[in-house]
PDB file of N, CA and C in Angstrom:
ATOM      1  N   UNK A   1     -24.803   7.453   8.442  1.00  0.00           N
ATOM      2  CA  UNK A   1     -23.954   6.893   7.295  1.00  0.00           C
ATOM      3  C   UNK A   1     -22.903   7.860   6.617  1.00  0.00           C
ATOM      4  N   UNK A   2     -23.133   9.018   6.806  1.00  0.00           N
ATOM      5  CA  UNK A   2     -22.403  10.299   6.253  1.00  0.00           C
ATOM      6  C   UNK A   2     -20.911  10.114   6.320  1.00  0.00           C
ATOM      7  N   UNK A   3     -20.824  10.060   8.024  1.00  0.00           N
ATOM      8  CA  UNK A   3     -19.360  10.319   8.607  1.00  0.00           C
ATOM      9  C   UNK A   3     -18.796   9.255   8.335  1.00  0.00           C
ATOM     10  N   UNK A   4     -18.887   8.132   7.519  1.00  0.00           N
ATOM     11  CA  UNK A   4     -17.953   6.485   7.257  1.00  0.00           C
ATOM     12  C   UNK A   4     -17.062   6.807   6.367  1.00  0.00           C
ATOM     13  N   UNK A   5     -17.253   7.908   5.611  1.00  0.00           N
ATOM     14  CA  UNK A   5     -16.853   7.818   3.898  1.00  0.00           C
ATOM     15  C   UNK A   5     -15.592   8.564   4.449  1.00  0.00           C
ATOM     16  N   UNK A   6     -15.187   9.628   5.470  1.00  0.00           N
ATOM     17  CA  UNK A   6     -14.030   9.660   5.664  1.00  0.00           C
ATOM     18  C   UNK A   6     -13.033   8.940   5.812  1.00  0.00           C
ATOM     19  N   UNK A   7     -13.342   7.395   6.877  1.00  0.00           N
ATOM     20  CA  UNK A   7     -12.723   6.501   7.278  1.00  0.00           C
ATOM     21  C   UNK A   7     -12.250   5.832   6.408  1.00  0.00           C
ATOM     22  N   UNK A   8     -12.884   5.539   5.403  1.00  0.00           N
ATOM     23  CA  UNK A   8     -12.702   4.475   4.215  1.00  0.00           C
ATOM     24  C   UNK A   8     -11.510   5.607   2.944  1.00  0.00           C
ATOM     25  N   UNK A   9     -12.133   7.124   3.291  1.00  0.00           N
ATOM     26  CA  UNK A   9     -10.944   7.781   2.406  1.00  0.00           C
ATOM     27  C   UNK A   9      -9.487   7.594   3.220  1.00  0.00           C
ATOM     28  N   UNK A  10      -9.497   7.856   4.430  1.00  0.00           N
ATOM     29  CA  UNK A  10      -8.260   8.039   4.851  1.00  0.00           C
ATOM     30  C   UNK A  10      -7.631   6.507   4.872  1.00  0.00           C
ATOM     31  N   UNK A  11      -7.649   5.545   5.011  1.00  0.00           N
ATOM     32  CA  UNK A  11      -7.896   4.556   5.213  1.00  0.00           C
ATOM     33  C   UNK A  11      -6.726   3.966   3.520  1.00  0.00           C
ATOM     34  N   UNK A  12      -7.591   3.960   2.173  1.00  0.00           N
ATOM     35  CA  UNK A  12      -7.141   3.996   1.625  1.00  0.00           C
ATOM     36  C   UNK A  12      -6.140   4.921   1.098  1.00  0.00           C
ATOM     37  N   UNK A  13      -6.248   6.323   1.585  1.00  0.00           N
ATOM     38  CA  UNK A  13      -4.714   7.114   1.701  1.00  0.00           C
ATOM     39  C   UNK A  13      -3.556   6.620   2.246  1.00  0.00           C
ATOM     40  N   UNK A  14      -3.561   6.330   3.253  1.00  0.00           N
ATOM     41  CA  UNK A  14      -2.839   5.357   4.189  1.00  0.00           C
ATOM     42  C   UNK A  14      -2.044   4.380   3.406  1.00  0.00           C
ATOM     43  N   UNK A  15      -2.880   3.541   2.921  1.00  0.00           N
ATOM     44  CA  UNK A  15      -2.369   2.006   2.421  1.00  0.00           C
ATOM     45  C   UNK A  15      -2.261   2.718   0.567  1.00  0.00           C
ATOM     46  N   UNK A  16      -2.240   3.815  -0.200  1.00  0.00           N
ATOM     47  CA  UNK A  16      -1.734   4.208  -1.340  1.00  0.00           C
ATOM     48  C   UNK A  16      -0.553   4.715  -1.139  1.00  0.00           C
ATOM     49  N   UNK A  17       0.026   5.700  -0.083  1.00  0.00           N
ATOM     50  CA  UNK A  17       1.413   6.241   0.616  1.00  0.00           C
ATOM     51  C   UNK A  17       1.961   5.218   1.233  1.00  0.00           C
ATOM     52  N   UNK A  18       1.279   4.367   1.732  1.00  0.00           N
ATOM     53  CA  UNK A  18       2.321   2.913   1.917  1.00  0.00           C
ATOM     54  C   UNK A  18       3.207   2.268   1.268  1.00  0.00           C
ATOM     55  N   UNK A  19       1.993   2.098   0.363  1.00  0.00           N
ATOM     56  CA  UNK A  19       2.700   1.710  -0.975  1.00  0.00           C
ATOM     57  C   UNK A  19       3.938   2.251  -1.833  1.00  0.00           C
ATOM     58  N   UNK A  20       3.587   3.801  -1.666  1.00  0.00           N
ATOM     59  CA  UNK A  20       4.532   4.127  -2.639  1.00  0.00           C
ATOM     60  C   UNK A  20       5.760   4.556  -1.973  1.00  0.00           C
ATOM     61  N   UNK A  21       5.901   4.435  -0.214  1.00  0.00           N
ATOM     62  CA  UNK A  21       7.043   4.663   0.331  1.00  0.00           C
ATOM     63  C   UNK A  21       7.733   3.251   0.482  1.00  0.00           C
ATOM     64  N   UNK A  22       7.043   2.261   0.130  1.00  0.00           N
ATOM     65  CA  UNK A  22       7.915   0.462   0.819  1.00  0.00           C
ATOM     66  C   UNK A  22       7.891   0.119  -0.819  1.00  0.00           C
ATOM     67  N   UNK A  23       7.660   0.250  -1.993  1.00  0.00           N
ATOM     68  CA  UNK A  23       7.670  -0.041  -3.487  1.00  0.00           C
ATOM     69  C   UNK A  23       6.757  -1.408  -3.156  1.00  0.00           C
ATOM     70  N   UNK A  24       6.108  -1.414  -4.508  1.00  0.00           N
ATOM     71  CA  UNK A  24       5.031  -2.597  -4.959  1.00  0.00           C
ATOM     72  C   UNK A  24       5.422  -3.863  -4.046  1.00  0.00           C
ATOM     73  N   UNK A  25       6.602  -4.507  -4.367  1.00  0.00           N
ATOM     74  CA  UNK A  25       6.943  -5.983  -4.001  1.00  0.00           C
ATOM     75  C   UNK A  25       6.968  -6.054  -2.377  1.00  0.00           C
ATOM     76  N   UNK A  26       8.041  -4.958  -1.723  1.00  0.00           N
ATOM     77  CA  UNK A  26       7.558  -4.852  -0.396  1.00  0.00           C
ATOM     78  C   UNK A  26       6.282  -4.710  -0.022  1.00  0.00           C
ATOM     79  N   UNK A  27       5.674  -4.147  -0.525  1.00  0.00           N
ATOM     80  CA  UNK A  27       4.120  -3.679  -0.151  1.00  0.00           C
ATOM     81  C   UNK A  27       3.229  -5.053  -0.016  1.00  0.00           C
ATOM     82  N   UNK A  28       3.581  -5.656  -1.214  1.00  0.00           N
ATOM     83  CA  UNK A  28       2.929  -6.596  -1.343  1.00  0.00           C
ATOM     84  C   UNK A  28       2.993  -7.793  -0.430  1.00  0.00           C
ATOM     85  N   UNK A  29       4.301  -8.036  -0.180  1.00  0.00           N
ATOM     86  CA  UNK A  29       4.848  -8.999   0.872  1.00  0.00           C
ATOM     87  C   UNK A  29       4.137  -8.391   2.111  1.00  0.00           C
ATOM     88  N   UNK A  30       4.360  -7.709   2.457  1.00  0.00           N
ATOM     89  CA  UNK A  30       3.909  -7.029   3.681  1.00  0.00           C
ATOM     90  C   UNK A  30       2.518  -7.319   4.193  1.00  0.00           C
ATOM     91  N   UNK A  31       1.633  -7.235   2.964  1.00  0.00           N
ATOM     92  CA  UNK A  31       0.079  -7.478   3.580  1.00  0.00           C
ATOM     93  C   UNK A  31       0.031  -8.912   3.432  1.00  0.00           C
ATOM     94  N   UNK A  32       1.136  -9.489   2.565  1.00  0.00           N
ATOM     95  CA  UNK A  32       0.876 -10.954   2.592  1.00  0.00           C
ATOM     96  C   UNK A  32       0.922 -11.701   3.899  1.00  0.00           C
ATOM     97  N   UNK A  33       2.157 -11.154   4.835  1.00  0.00           N
ATOM     98  CA  UNK A  33       2.384 -11.231   6.056  1.00  0.00           C
ATOM     99  C   UNK A  33       1.611 -11.009   6.834  1.00  0.00           C
ATOM    100  N   UNK A  34       1.097  -9.644   6.919  1.00  0.00           N
ATOM    101  CA  UNK A  34      -0.344  -9.337   7.546  1.00  0.00           C
ATOM    102  C   UNK A  34      -1.599 -10.292   7.519  1.00  0.00           C
ATOM    103  N   UNK A  35      -1.493 -10.518   6.764  1.00  0.00           N
ATOM    104  CA  UNK A  35      -2.713 -11.733   5.941  1.00  0.00           C
ATOM    105  C   UNK A  35      -2.634 -12.931   7.045  1.00  0.00           C
ATOM    106  N   UNK A  36      -1.520 -13.586   6.531  1.00  0.00           N
ATOM    107  CA  UNK A  36      -1.337 -14.632   7.034  1.00  0.00           C
ATOM    108  C   UNK A  36      -1.194 -14.625   9.019  1.00  0.00           C
ATOM    109  N   UNK A  37      -0.319 -13.608   9.498  1.00  0.00           N
ATOM    110  CA  UNK A  37      -0.525 -13.607  10.743  1.00  0.00           C
ATOM    111  C   UNK A  37      -1.550 -13.521  11.450  1.00  0.00           C
ATOM    112  N   UNK A  38      -2.802 -12.941  10.858  1.00  0.00           N
ATOM    113  CA  UNK A  38      -4.104 -12.485  11.622  1.00  0.00           C
ATOM    114  C   UNK A  38      -5.200 -13.057  11.106  1.00  0.00           C
ATOM    115  N   UNK A  39      -4.982 -14.213  10.311  1.00  0.00           N
ATOM    116  CA  UNK A  39      -6.108 -14.918   9.172  1.00  0.00           C
ATOM    117  C   UNK A  39      -6.891 -15.016  10.764  1.00  0.00           C
ATOM    118  N   UNK A  40      -8.191 -15.438  10.713  1.00  0.00           N
ATOM    119  CA  UNK A  40      -9.263 -15.532  11.464  1.00  0.00           C
ATOM    120  C   UNK A  40      -9.173 -15.259  12.898  1.00  0.00           C
ATOM    121  N   UNK A  41      -8.407 -13.890  12.727  1.00  0.00           N
ATOM    122  CA  UNK A  41      -8.381 -12.783  14.309  1.00  0.00           C
ATOM    123  C   UNK A  41      -9.281 -12.053  14.006  1.00  0.00           C
ATOM    124  N   UNK A  42      -9.163 -10.995  14.788  1.00  0.00           N
ATOM    125  CA  UNK A  42      -9.555  -9.606  14.915  1.00  0.00           C
ATOM    126  C   UNK A  42      -9.246  -8.477  14.972  1.00  0.00           C
ATOM    127  N   UNK A  43      -7.699  -8.220  13.963  1.00  0.00           N
ATOM    128  CA  UNK A  43      -6.485  -7.033  14.610  1.00  0.00           C
ATOM    129  C   UNK A  43      -7.092  -5.428  14.688  1.00  0.00           C
ATOM    130  N   UNK A  44      -6.463  -5.063  15.703  1.00  0.00           N
ATOM    131  CA  UNK A  44      -6.710  -3.688  15.291  1.00  0.00           C
ATOM    132  C   UNK A  44      -5.552  -2.741  14.271  1.00  0.00           C
ATOM    133  N   UNK A  45      -5.834  -1.848  14.296  1.00  0.00           N
ATOM    134  CA  UNK A  45      -4.858  -0.869  13.317  1.00  0.00           C
ATOM    135  C   UNK A  45      -3.376  -1.071  13.517  1.00  0.00           C
ATOM    136  N   UNK A  46      -3.172  -1.044  15.233  1.00  0.00           N
ATOM    137  CA  UNK A  46      -1.834  -0.924  15.673  1.00  0.00           C
ATOM    138  C   UNK A  46      -1.435  -2.450  15.739  1.00  0.00           C
ATOM    139  N   UNK A  47      -2.172  -3.278  15.438  1.00  0.00           N
ATOM    140  CA  UNK A  47      -1.383  -4.829  14.622  1.00  0.00           C
ATOM    141  C   UNK A  47      -1.452  -4.685  13.632  1.00  0.00           C
ATOM    142  N   UNK A  48      -1.891  -3.922  12.851  1.00  0.00           N
ATOM    143  CA  UNK A  48      -1.459  -3.573  11.364  1.00  0.00           C
ATOM    144  C   UNK A  48       0.243  -3.097  11.189  1.00  0.00           C
ATOM    145  N   UNK A  49      -0.284  -2.571  11.889  1.00  0.00           N
ATOM    146  CA  UNK A  49       1.092  -1.195  12.396  1.00  0.00           C
ATOM    147  C   UNK A  49       2.281  -1.610  12.620  1.00  0.00           C
ATOM    148  N   UNK A  50       2.431  -2.565  13.795  1.00  0.00           N
ATOM    149  CA  UNK A  50       2.915  -3.697  14.109  1.00  0.00           C
ATOM    150  C   UNK A  50       3.547  -4.694  13.306  1.00  0.00           C
ATOM    151  N   UNK A  51       2.930  -5.306  12.661  1.00  0.00           N
ATOM    152  CA  UNK A  51       2.792  -6.342  11.532  1.00  0.00           C
ATOM    153  C   UNK A  51       4.111  -5.864  10.411  1.00  0.00           C
ATOM    154  N   UNK A  52       3.447  -4.467   9.479  1.00  0.00           N
ATOM    155  CA  UNK A  52       3.829  -4.085   8.833  1.00  0.00           C
ATOM    156  C   UNK A  52       5.714  -3.757   8.800  1.00  0.00           C
ATOM    157  N   UNK A  53       5.664  -3.004  10.154  1.00  0.00           N
ATOM    158  CA  UNK A  53       7.110  -2.659  10.583  1.00  0.00           C
ATOM    159  C   UNK A  53       7.834  -3.827  10.997  1.00  0.00           C
ATOM    160  N   UNK A  54       7.114  -4.744  12.000  1.00  0.00           N
ATOM    161  CA  UNK A  54       8.063  -5.985  11.990  1.00  0.00           C
ATOM    162  C   UNK A  54       8.723  -6.621  10.774  1.00  0.00           C
ATOM    163  N   UNK A  55       7.778  -6.755   9.830  1.00  0.00           N
ATOM    164  CA  UNK A  55       8.320  -7.715   8.602  1.00  0.00           C
ATOM    165  C   UNK A  55       9.397  -6.471   7.446  1.00  0.00           C
ATOM    166  N   UNK A  56       8.689  -5.293   7.426  1.00  0.00           N
ATOM    167  CA  UNK A  56       9.906  -4.436   6.777  1.00  0.00           C
ATOM    168  C   UNK A  56      10.834  -3.825   7.100  1.00  0.00           C
ATOM    169  N   UNK A  57      11.023  -3.447   9.000  1.00  0.00           N
ATOM    170  CA  UNK A  57      11.744  -3.590   9.166  1.00  0.00           C
ATOM    171  C   UNK A  57      12.500  -1.512   8.798  1.00  0.00           C
ATOM    172  N   UNK A  58      10.862  -1.126   8.188  1.00  0.00           N
ATOM    173  CA  UNK A  58      11.400   0.378   7.713  1.00  0.00           C
ATOM    174  C   UNK A  58      10.556   0.979   9.487  1.00  0.00           C
ATOM    175  N   UNK A  59      11.252   1.886   9.228  1.00  0.00           N
ATOM    176  CA  UNK A  59      10.571   2.958  10.672  1.00  0.00           C
ATOM    177  C   UNK A  59       9.649   3.993   9.844  1.00  0.00           C
ATOM    178  N   UNK A  60       7.921   3.673  10.091  1.00  0.00           N
ATOM    179  CA  UNK A  60       6.663   4.286   9.654  1.00  0.00           C
ATOM    180  C   UNK A  60       6.454   5.127  10.760  1.00  0.00           C
ATOM    181  N   UNK A  61       6.712   5.652  11.794  1.00  0.00           N
ATOM    182  CA  UNK A  61       6.545   6.749  12.857  1.00  0.00           C
ATOM    183  C   UNK A  61       6.007   8.116  12.390  1.00  0.00           C
ATOM    184  N   UNK A  62       6.918   8.478  11.049  1.00  0.00           N
ATOM    185  CA  UNK A  62       6.587   9.532  10.865  1.00  0.00           C
ATOM    186  C   UNK A  62       5.201   9.740   9.852  1.00  0.00           C
ATOM    187  N   UNK A  63       4.853   8.716   9.050  1.00  0.00           N
ATOM    188  CA  UNK A  63       3.965   8.332   8.324  1.00  0.00           C
ATOM    189  C   UNK A  63       2.486   8.361   8.502  1.00  0.00           C
ATOM    190  N   UNK A  64       1.800   8.738   7.661  1.00  0.00           N
ATOM    191  CA  UNK A  64       0.105   8.649   7.743  1.00  0.00           C
ATOM    192  C   UNK A  64      -0.222   7.880   8.820  1.00  0.00           C
ATOM    193  N   UNK A  65       0.187   6.326   8.968  1.00  0.00           N
ATOM    194  CA  UNK A  65       0.113   5.606   9.611  1.00  0.00           C
ATOM    195  C   UNK A  65       0.191   6.112  11.104  1.00  0.00           C
ATOM    196  N   UNK A  66       1.035   7.008  11.574  1.00  0.00           N
ATOM    197  CA  UNK A  66       0.749   7.193  12.639  1.00  0.00           C
ATOM    198  C   UNK A  66      -0.226   8.135  13.322  1.00  0.00           C
ATOM    199  N   UNK A  67      -0.830   8.677  12.415  1.00  0.00           N
ATOM    200  CA  UNK A  67      -2.064   9.229  12.268  1.00  0.00           C
ATOM    201  C   UNK A  67      -3.312   9.138  12.253  1.00  0.00           C
ATOM    202  N   UNK A  68      -3.665   7.712  11.921  1.00  0.00           N
ATOM    203  CA  UNK A  68      -4.820   6.689  11.907  1.00  0.00           C
ATOM    204  C   UNK A  68      -5.021   6.295  12.759  1.00  0.00           C
ATOM    205  N   UNK A  69      -5.292   6.827  13.951  1.00  0.00           N
ATOM    206  CA  UNK A  69      -5.132   5.884  15.296  1.00  0.00           C
ATOM    207  C   UNK A  69      -7.106   5.604  15.336  1.00  0.00           C
ATOM    208  N   UNK A  70      -7.652   6.412  14.672  1.00  0.00           N
ATOM    209  CA  UNK A  70      -9.417   6.290  15.036  1.00  0.00           C
ATOM    210  C   UNK A  70      -9.875   6.176  13.940  1.00  0.00           C
TER     211      UNK A  70
END
């Protein structure tokens, strides 16, 4: 169980930084879009990344999102 803590920490850090980059309202809208797009489904991280990029039209290839593949 020890190893899972870093996963949650990395994810929380990525979301916090994404909110900082996009701003509160665009971040909230992007999350709402993602939830609506993927409800009742089993998305992977790449699906989240693609959904945010498609909705915001912001190039996030440089961000922490590119480093959280596992």
